[in-house]
Amino acid sequence: MLKSLFTIALIATFLTSCIYNVGETEKTRDVNENNEYVYGEKGKPARQTQNTYPDTPEGAERAKKIREKLYGNSGGSNLAEISASAADKKEKKEEKKEEKKTQSF
């Protein structure tokens, strides 16, 4: 008896938590909607893209070290190797399929 009541209570809790915020679809008004300081001028690029920052040699060296640490010595540009190995795997799978077809006849 107690087990069935607990199960019913658990199911009721689950169902009520799933439908808790379903009816709340009211959109809130953006108070900064027409504020050029926040969003910039309409139809123009963002203000942040106008800012340029000088690249220091220390920053470039640091970025290189980070890339080496994350991606190894390839510098993160091993996309050609990955795509080549994927193509090789695909060709091998196709060859195996062809072998199976010829063996089954």
N, C-alpha and C. Protein backbone atom coordinates (compact mmCIF):
# COMPACT_ATOMS: atom_id res chain seq x y z
N MET A 1 0.83 -1.19 0.00
CA MET A 1 0.00 0.00 0.00
C MET A 1 0.87 1.25 0.00
N LEU A 2 1.85 1.27 0.89
CA LEU A 2 2.73 2.43 1.01
C LEU A 2 3.58 2.59 -0.24
N LYS A 3 3.98 1.46 -0.80
CA LYS A 3 4.79 1.49 -2.01
C LYS A 3 4.00 2.06 -3.19
N SER A 4 2.75 1.70 -3.31
CA SER A 4 1.94 2.20 -4.41
C SER A 4 1.64 3.70 -4.25
N LEU A 5 1.43 4.16 -3.01
CA LEU A 5 1.23 5.59 -2.77
C LEU A 5 2.49 6.39 -3.12
N PHE A 6 3.62 5.83 -2.76
CA PHE A 6 4.89 6.49 -3.08
C PHE A 6 5.07 6.57 -4.59
N THR A 7 4.74 5.52 -5.31
CA THR A 7 4.86 5.51 -6.76
C THR A 7 3.93 6.53 -7.39
N ILE A 8 2.71 6.61 -6.92
CA ILE A 8 1.74 7.59 -7.43
C ILE A 8 2.23 9.01 -7.16
N ALA A 9 2.74 9.25 -5.99
CA ALA A 9 3.25 10.58 -5.64
C ALA A 9 4.45 10.94 -6.51
N LEU A 10 5.29 9.97 -6.77
CA LEU A 10 6.46 10.21 -7.61
C LEU A 10 6.06 10.54 -9.05
N ILE A 11 5.11 9.82 -9.59
CA ILE A 11 4.63 10.08 -10.94
C ILE A 11 3.95 11.44 -11.02
N ALA A 12 3.15 11.78 -10.01
CA ALA A 12 2.47 13.08 -9.99
C ALA A 12 3.49 14.22 -9.93
N THR A 13 4.52 14.06 -9.13
CA THR A 13 5.57 15.08 -9.04
C THR A 13 6.28 15.23 -10.38
N PHE A 14 6.58 14.13 -11.02
CA PHE A 14 7.25 14.17 -12.32
C PHE A 14 6.39 14.88 -13.36
N LEU A 15 5.12 14.55 -13.41
CA LEU A 15 4.23 15.16 -14.40
C LEU A 15 4.04 16.65 -14.16
N THR A 16 3.91 17.06 -12.92
CA THR A 16 3.73 18.48 -12.64
C THR A 16 5.00 19.27 -12.93
N SER A 17 6.16 18.66 -12.73
CA SER A 17 7.40 19.37 -13.02
C SER A 17 7.61 19.51 -14.52
N CYS A 18 7.09 18.59 -15.31
CA CYS A 18 7.24 18.67 -16.76
C CYS A 18 6.38 19.76 -17.38
N ILE A 19 5.24 20.04 -16.80
CA ILE A 19 4.34 21.03 -17.38
C ILE A 19 4.30 22.32 -16.58
N TYR A 20 5.33 22.58 -15.80
CA TYR A 20 5.32 23.73 -14.90
C TYR A 20 5.29 25.06 -15.66
N ASN A 21 6.17 25.27 -16.64
CA ASN A 21 6.27 26.57 -17.32
C ASN A 21 5.70 26.55 -18.73
N VAL A 22 4.82 25.66 -19.05
CA VAL A 22 4.31 25.55 -20.41
C VAL A 22 3.46 26.76 -20.78
N GLY A 23 2.65 27.27 -19.90
CA GLY A 23 1.74 28.35 -20.22
C GLY A 23 2.36 29.73 -20.20
N GLU A 24 3.59 29.86 -19.73
CA GLU A 24 4.22 31.18 -19.60
C GLU A 24 4.95 31.53 -20.89
N THR A 25 4.21 32.05 -21.87
CA THR A 25 4.81 32.40 -23.14
C THR A 25 4.81 33.91 -23.37
N GLU A 26 4.55 34.70 -22.36
CA GLU A 26 4.49 36.14 -22.50
C GLU A 26 5.89 36.69 -22.78
N LYS A 27 6.00 37.49 -23.83
CA LYS A 27 7.28 38.09 -24.18
C LYS A 27 7.47 39.36 -23.36
N THR A 28 8.68 39.56 -22.89
CA THR A 28 8.97 40.78 -22.16
C THR A 28 9.53 41.82 -23.13
N ARG A 29 9.25 43.05 -22.89
CA ARG A 29 9.68 44.14 -23.75
C ARG A 29 11.13 44.48 -23.42
N ASP A 30 11.94 44.67 -24.45
CA ASP A 30 13.34 45.03 -24.26
C ASP A 30 13.44 46.53 -24.01
N VAL A 31 13.93 46.90 -22.84
CA VAL A 31 14.00 48.32 -22.49
C VAL A 31 15.08 49.04 -23.29
N ASN A 32 16.04 48.32 -23.84
CA ASN A 32 17.11 48.93 -24.62
C ASN A 32 16.91 48.74 -26.12
N GLU A 33 15.67 48.57 -26.54
CA GLU A 33 15.38 48.23 -27.93
C GLU A 33 15.94 49.25 -28.92
N ASN A 34 15.80 50.52 -28.66
CA ASN A 34 16.24 51.56 -29.58
C ASN A 34 17.51 52.27 -29.10
N ASN A 35 18.23 51.68 -28.19
CA ASN A 35 19.42 52.30 -27.63
C ASN A 35 20.62 52.02 -28.54
N GLU A 36 21.15 53.05 -29.19
CA GLU A 36 22.28 52.87 -30.10
C GLU A 36 23.55 52.51 -29.35
N TYR A 37 23.66 52.91 -28.10
CA TYR A 37 24.85 52.58 -27.33
C TYR A 37 24.93 51.08 -27.08
N VAL A 38 23.79 50.45 -26.88
CA VAL A 38 23.77 49.02 -26.60
C VAL A 38 23.86 48.20 -27.88
N TYR A 39 23.04 48.50 -28.88
CA TYR A 39 22.95 47.67 -30.08
C TYR A 39 23.64 48.28 -31.30
N GLY A 40 24.08 49.52 -31.23
CA GLY A 40 24.69 50.16 -32.39
C GLY A 40 23.61 50.66 -33.34
N GLU A 41 24.04 51.18 -34.47
CA GLU A 41 23.10 51.70 -35.44
C GLU A 41 22.55 50.56 -36.29
N LYS A 42 21.28 50.63 -36.61
CA LYS A 42 20.65 49.57 -37.39
C LYS A 42 21.22 49.53 -38.80
N GLY A 43 21.49 48.33 -39.29
CA GLY A 43 22.00 48.16 -40.63
C GLY A 43 23.50 48.32 -40.75
N LYS A 44 24.19 48.61 -39.68
CA LYS A 44 25.65 48.76 -39.70
C LYS A 44 26.27 47.65 -38.86
N PRO A 45 27.55 47.37 -39.08
CA PRO A 45 28.20 46.33 -38.28
C PRO A 45 28.31 46.75 -36.81
N ALA A 46 28.54 45.78 -35.98
CA ALA A 46 28.64 46.05 -34.54
C ALA A 46 29.81 46.97 -34.26
N ARG A 47 29.70 47.72 -33.19
CA ARG A 47 30.75 48.67 -32.84
C ARG A 47 32.06 47.97 -32.48
N GLN A 48 31.96 46.77 -31.93
CA GLN A 48 33.16 46.05 -31.51
C GLN A 48 34.05 45.71 -32.70
N THR A 49 33.46 45.56 -33.90
CA THR A 49 34.27 45.21 -35.06
C THR A 49 35.12 46.37 -35.52
N GLN A 50 34.80 47.57 -35.09
CA GLN A 50 35.59 48.74 -35.46
C GLN A 50 36.86 48.85 -34.63
N ASN A 51 36.90 48.18 -33.50
CA ASN A 51 38.08 48.23 -32.63
C ASN A 51 39.17 47.31 -33.19
N THR A 52 40.38 47.81 -33.22
CA THR A 52 41.52 46.99 -33.61
C THR A 52 42.54 47.04 -32.49
N TYR A 53 43.18 45.93 -32.26
CA TYR A 53 44.17 45.82 -31.20
C TYR A 53 45.49 45.35 -31.79
N PRO A 54 46.60 45.95 -31.40
CA PRO A 54 47.89 45.53 -31.95
C PRO A 54 48.26 44.14 -31.45
N ASP A 55 48.86 43.35 -32.34
CA ASP A 55 49.29 42.01 -31.98
C ASP A 55 50.76 42.08 -31.57
N THR A 56 51.03 41.72 -30.35
CA THR A 56 52.40 41.77 -29.86
C THR A 56 53.10 40.45 -30.14
N PRO A 57 54.41 40.44 -30.25
CA PRO A 57 55.13 39.18 -30.48
C PRO A 57 54.95 38.19 -29.33
N GLU A 58 54.84 38.72 -28.11
CA GLU A 58 54.64 37.83 -26.96
C GLU A 58 53.28 37.14 -27.07
N GLY A 59 52.29 37.88 -27.53
CA GLY A 59 50.95 37.30 -27.68
C GLY A 59 50.92 36.23 -28.74
N ALA A 60 51.61 36.46 -29.85
CA ALA A 60 51.66 35.47 -30.92
C ALA A 60 52.39 34.21 -30.45
N GLU A 61 53.47 34.39 -29.71
CA GLU A 61 54.22 33.23 -29.19
C GLU A 61 53.38 32.44 -28.19
N ARG A 62 52.66 33.17 -27.35
CA ARG A 62 51.79 32.51 -26.36
C ARG A 62 50.68 31.73 -27.05
N ALA A 63 50.09 32.32 -28.09
CA ALA A 63 49.04 31.63 -28.84
C ALA A 63 49.58 30.37 -29.49
N LYS A 64 50.81 30.44 -30.00
CA LYS A 64 51.44 29.27 -30.62
C LYS A 64 51.64 28.15 -29.60
N LYS A 65 52.10 28.51 -28.40
CA LYS A 65 52.31 27.52 -27.35
C LYS A 65 50.99 26.87 -26.93
N ILE A 66 49.94 27.68 -26.85
CA ILE A 66 48.62 27.15 -26.48
C ILE A 66 48.13 26.18 -27.54
N ARG A 67 48.30 26.54 -28.84
CA ARG A 67 47.89 25.65 -29.93
C ARG A 67 48.65 24.33 -29.88
N GLU A 68 49.96 24.41 -29.61
CA GLU A 68 50.77 23.20 -29.52
C GLU A 68 50.31 22.32 -28.35
N LYS A 69 49.96 22.95 -27.26
CA LYS A 69 49.51 22.19 -26.09
C LYS A 69 48.17 21.52 -26.36
N LEU A 70 47.26 22.24 -27.03
CA LEU A 70 45.94 21.69 -27.30
C LEU A 70 45.94 20.66 -28.42
N TYR A 71 46.64 20.97 -29.51
CA TYR A 71 46.54 20.16 -30.71
C TYR A 71 47.81 19.39 -31.05
N GLY A 72 48.85 19.53 -30.27
CA GLY A 72 50.10 18.87 -30.59
C GLY A 72 50.92 19.74 -31.51
N ASN A 73 51.92 19.16 -32.14
CA ASN A 73 52.82 19.93 -32.99
C ASN A 73 52.21 20.31 -34.32
N SER A 74 51.05 19.76 -34.65
CA SER A 74 50.44 20.07 -35.94
C SER A 74 49.87 21.48 -35.97
N GLY A 75 49.69 22.11 -34.83
CA GLY A 75 49.16 23.46 -34.80
C GLY A 75 47.67 23.52 -35.07
N GLY A 76 47.00 22.38 -34.97
CA GLY A 76 45.57 22.36 -35.19
C GLY A 76 45.19 22.28 -36.65
N SER A 77 46.17 22.15 -37.54
CA SER A 77 45.86 22.14 -38.97
C SER A 77 46.03 20.75 -39.56
N ASN A 78 45.57 19.73 -38.87
CA ASN A 78 45.67 18.37 -39.38
C ASN A 78 44.36 17.92 -40.01
N LEU A 79 43.61 18.85 -40.53
CA LEU A 79 42.33 18.53 -41.15
C LEU A 79 42.53 17.67 -42.39
N ALA A 80 43.56 17.95 -43.15
CA ALA A 80 43.82 17.16 -44.35
C ALA A 80 44.13 15.71 -43.98
N GLU A 81 44.89 15.51 -42.90
CA GLU A 81 45.21 14.15 -42.46
C GLU A 81 43.96 13.42 -42.01
N ILE A 82 43.09 14.11 -41.30
CA ILE A 82 41.86 13.49 -40.81
C ILE A 82 40.96 13.11 -41.97
N SER A 83 40.79 14.02 -42.93
CA SER A 83 39.91 13.72 -44.05
C SER A 83 40.50 12.61 -44.92
N ALA A 84 41.83 12.56 -45.05
CA ALA A 84 42.45 11.50 -45.84
C ALA A 84 42.25 10.15 -45.16
N SER A 85 42.43 10.10 -43.84
CA SER A 85 42.24 8.83 -43.15
C SER A 85 40.77 8.40 -43.19
N ALA A 86 39.85 9.35 -43.15
CA ALA A 86 38.43 9.01 -43.24
C ALA A 86 38.11 8.45 -44.62
N ALA A 87 38.72 9.05 -45.65
CA ALA A 87 38.49 8.55 -47.01
C ALA A 87 39.06 7.14 -47.16
N ASP A 88 40.23 6.89 -46.56
CA ASP A 88 40.82 5.55 -46.62
C ASP A 88 39.92 4.53 -45.94
N LYS A 89 39.39 4.89 -44.78
CA LYS A 89 38.49 3.98 -44.06
C LYS A 89 37.25 3.68 -44.89
N LYS A 90 36.71 4.70 -45.53
CA LYS A 90 35.52 4.51 -46.35
C LYS A 90 35.81 3.57 -47.51
N GLU A 91 36.97 3.75 -48.15
CA GLU A 91 37.35 2.88 -49.27
C GLU A 91 37.51 1.43 -48.79
N LYS A 92 38.11 1.24 -47.62
CA LYS A 92 38.30 -0.11 -47.09
C LYS A 92 36.95 -0.77 -46.81
N LYS A 93 36.01 0.00 -46.27
CA LYS A 93 34.68 -0.55 -46.01
C LYS A 93 34.00 -0.97 -47.30
N GLU A 94 34.13 -0.14 -48.34
CA GLU A 94 33.52 -0.47 -49.62
C GLU A 94 34.16 -1.71 -50.23
N GLU A 95 35.48 -1.85 -50.07
CA GLU A 95 36.17 -3.03 -50.58
C GLU A 95 35.69 -4.28 -49.85
N LYS A 96 35.51 -4.19 -48.55
CA LYS A 96 35.02 -5.34 -47.78
C LYS A 96 33.62 -5.73 -48.22
N LYS A 97 32.79 -4.73 -48.49
CA LYS A 97 31.43 -5.02 -48.96
C LYS A 97 31.47 -5.74 -50.29
N GLU A 98 32.34 -5.29 -51.19
CA GLU A 98 32.46 -5.94 -52.49
C GLU A 98 32.95 -7.37 -52.34
N GLU A 99 33.90 -7.60 -51.43
CA GLU A 99 34.40 -8.95 -51.19
C GLU A 99 33.30 -9.87 -50.66
N LYS A 100 32.50 -9.35 -49.77
CA LYS A 100 31.40 -10.15 -49.23
C LYS A 100 30.39 -10.50 -50.30
N LYS A 101 30.11 -9.53 -51.19
CA LYS A 101 29.18 -9.79 -52.27
C LYS A 101 29.68 -10.89 -53.20
N THR A 102 30.96 -10.82 -53.53
CA THR A 102 31.53 -11.83 -54.43
C THR A 102 31.63 -13.19 -53.77
N GLN A 103 31.86 -13.21 -52.45
CA GLN A 103 31.96 -14.48 -51.74
C GLN A 103 30.60 -15.13 -51.56
N SER A 104 29.56 -14.35 -51.46
CA SER A 104 28.24 -14.93 -51.23
C SER A 104 27.67 -15.58 -52.48
N PHE A 105 28.15 -15.22 -53.67
CA PHE A 105 27.64 -15.83 -54.89
C PHE A 105 28.40 -17.01 -55.21
